[in-house]
Amino acid sequence: MKNGVNIAGISEVAHEISARLARLVVPDAQGRRPCHGDDRRYADDPHWRDLVTFFEYFHGDTGRGLGASHQTGWTALVIRCLEDVAAARRKGETQTRTESATDSDSVDVPRAAAARRSS
């Protein structure tokens, strides 16, 4: 922290953005994904539960997917972010939810892990 402002390296910032994107499509404890909004069939119906749609953009407060929901180049970016988050978790650099899935402060990156990534 410098002058009351959090300073982060580009690697830590990239990791944070990836984690936030991943939280839009990763199901919570009830099986709901923020990208599906209030549509319960994606959490409750076994025929829809594993269907993940990637949208053009997302609602800033709720994470609900908006715009077209087809497979595009954007999908490749999200998949890469999910892979990066999963790899970090396997290495023990886990993020923990502290509040809702779309909260801007809901990822806690352990300082030791952040230091390893920036070196």
Protein backbone atom coordinates (compact mmCIF):
# COMPACT_ATOMS: atom_id res chain seq x y z
CA MET A 1 0.00 0.00 0.00
CA LYS A 2 1.35 3.41 -0.94
CA ASN A 3 -0.30 6.66 0.19
CA GLY A 4 -3.48 4.74 1.08
CA VAL A 5 -3.71 3.18 -2.39
CA ASN A 6 -3.31 -0.55 -3.05
CA ILE A 7 -0.50 -1.13 -5.52
CA ALA A 8 -0.50 -4.39 -7.49
CA GLY A 9 1.72 -5.79 -10.20
CA ILE A 10 0.35 -6.55 -13.65
CA SER A 11 0.37 -10.28 -12.90
CA GLU A 12 -1.74 -9.82 -9.77
CA VAL A 13 -4.16 -7.53 -11.63
CA ALA A 14 -4.50 -10.06 -14.48
CA HIS A 15 -5.19 -12.83 -11.97
CA GLU A 16 -7.85 -10.70 -10.24
CA ILE A 17 -9.62 -9.94 -13.55
CA SER A 18 -9.55 -13.64 -14.47
CA ALA A 19 -11.03 -14.60 -11.10
CA ARG A 20 -13.82 -12.03 -11.46
CA LEU A 21 -14.69 -13.25 -14.97
CA ALA A 22 -14.69 -16.86 -13.77
CA ARG A 23 -17.12 -16.05 -10.95
CA LEU A 24 -19.72 -15.05 -13.56
CA VAL A 25 -20.04 -18.64 -14.80
CA VAL A 26 -18.99 -20.79 -11.81
CA PRO A 27 -22.00 -22.14 -9.86
CA ASP A 28 -22.50 -21.20 -6.21
CA ALA A 29 -23.49 -23.65 -3.45
CA GLN A 30 -27.09 -23.72 -4.75
CA GLY A 31 -25.94 -24.40 -8.32
CA ARG A 32 -26.82 -20.90 -9.55
CA ARG A 33 -24.51 -19.04 -11.89
CA PRO A 34 -24.62 -15.21 -11.90
CA CYS A 35 -24.63 -15.21 -15.72
CA HIS A 36 -28.03 -16.94 -15.74
CA GLY A 37 -29.70 -14.30 -13.56
CA ASP A 38 -32.97 -15.42 -11.96
CA ASP A 39 -33.61 -18.23 -14.47
CA ARG A 40 -33.77 -21.23 -12.08
CA ARG A 41 -33.85 -23.90 -14.82
CA TYR A 42 -30.05 -23.62 -15.16
CA ALA A 43 -29.66 -24.58 -11.50
CA ASP A 44 -32.64 -26.89 -10.96
CA ASP A 45 -33.26 -28.78 -14.21
CA PRO A 46 -30.78 -31.63 -14.82
CA HIS A 47 -31.12 -31.09 -18.58
CA TRP A 48 -30.01 -27.44 -18.29
CA ARG A 49 -27.75 -27.54 -15.21
CA ASP A 50 -24.46 -28.06 -17.06
CA LEU A 51 -25.25 -25.68 -19.92
CA VAL A 52 -23.08 -22.59 -19.59
CA THR A 53 -23.82 -19.77 -21.96
CA PHE A 54 -21.30 -17.01 -22.61
CA PHE A 55 -22.78 -13.60 -23.25
CA GLU A 56 -21.52 -10.49 -25.01
CA TYR A 57 -21.56 -8.51 -21.79
CA PHE A 58 -22.80 -8.75 -18.21
CA HIS A 59 -24.88 -6.62 -15.84
CA GLY A 60 -22.44 -4.72 -13.62
CA ASP A 61 -24.32 -5.32 -10.36
CA THR A 62 -25.82 -8.80 -10.76
CA GLY A 63 -23.52 -10.49 -13.28
CA ARG A 64 -26.53 -11.56 -15.39
CA GLY A 65 -25.57 -12.21 -18.99
CA LEU A 66 -26.84 -9.70 -21.56
CA GLY A 67 -26.72 -9.51 -25.33
CA ALA A 68 -26.03 -12.44 -27.62
CA SER A 69 -25.28 -15.78 -25.97
CA HIS A 70 -23.52 -17.70 -28.69
CA GLN A 71 -20.08 -19.24 -28.86
CA THR A 72 -17.63 -16.61 -30.09
CA GLY A 73 -14.00 -15.62 -29.66
CA TRP A 74 -15.05 -14.16 -26.31
CA THR A 75 -15.71 -17.72 -25.16
CA ALA A 76 -12.05 -18.58 -25.68
CA LEU A 77 -11.03 -15.74 -23.37
CA VAL A 78 -13.39 -16.87 -20.63
CA ILE A 79 -12.20 -20.47 -20.94
CA ARG A 80 -8.59 -19.30 -20.58
CA CYS A 81 -9.52 -17.33 -17.46
CA LEU A 82 -11.26 -20.38 -15.98
CA GLU A 83 -8.20 -22.52 -16.73
CA ASP A 84 -5.91 -19.97 -15.05
CA VAL A 85 -8.11 -19.78 -11.94
CA ALA A 86 -8.30 -23.59 -11.74
CA ALA A 87 -4.52 -23.92 -12.13
CA ALA A 88 -3.94 -21.38 -9.35
CA ARG A 89 -6.30 -23.31 -7.07
CA ARG A 90 -4.46 -26.57 -7.76
CA LYS A 91 -1.18 -24.87 -6.82
CA GLY A 92 -2.70 -23.69 -3.52
CA GLU A 93 -3.12 -20.06 -4.54
CA THR A 94 -6.84 -20.17 -3.93
CA GLN A 95 -9.22 -17.28 -3.94
CA THR A 96 -11.93 -17.32 -1.31
CA ARG A 97 -15.36 -15.82 -1.56
CA THR A 98 -16.10 -13.45 1.26
CA GLU A 99 -19.36 -12.00 -0.03
CA SER A 100 -21.57 -12.28 -3.14
CA ALA A 101 -20.23 -13.62 -6.42
CA THR A 102 -20.27 -10.23 -8.14
CA ASP A 103 -18.87 -8.13 -5.30
CA SER A 104 -15.85 -6.15 -6.43
CA ASP A 105 -13.98 -7.06 -3.23
CA SER A 106 -14.97 -10.73 -3.01
CA VAL A 107 -11.62 -12.30 -3.91
CA ASP A 108 -8.97 -12.64 -1.27
CA VAL A 109 -5.60 -13.48 -2.82
CA PRO A 110 -3.18 -14.61 -0.12
CA ARG A 111 -0.20 -12.24 0.11
CA ALA A 112 2.34 -15.07 -0.11
CA ALA A 113 0.81 -16.29 -3.36
CA ALA A 114 0.71 -12.75 -4.75
CA ALA A 115 4.38 -12.28 -3.87
CA ARG A 116 5.32 -15.52 -5.68
CA ARG A 117 3.44 -14.44 -8.80
CA SER A 118 5.02 -10.98 -8.94
CA SER A 119 8.60 -12.22 -8.55
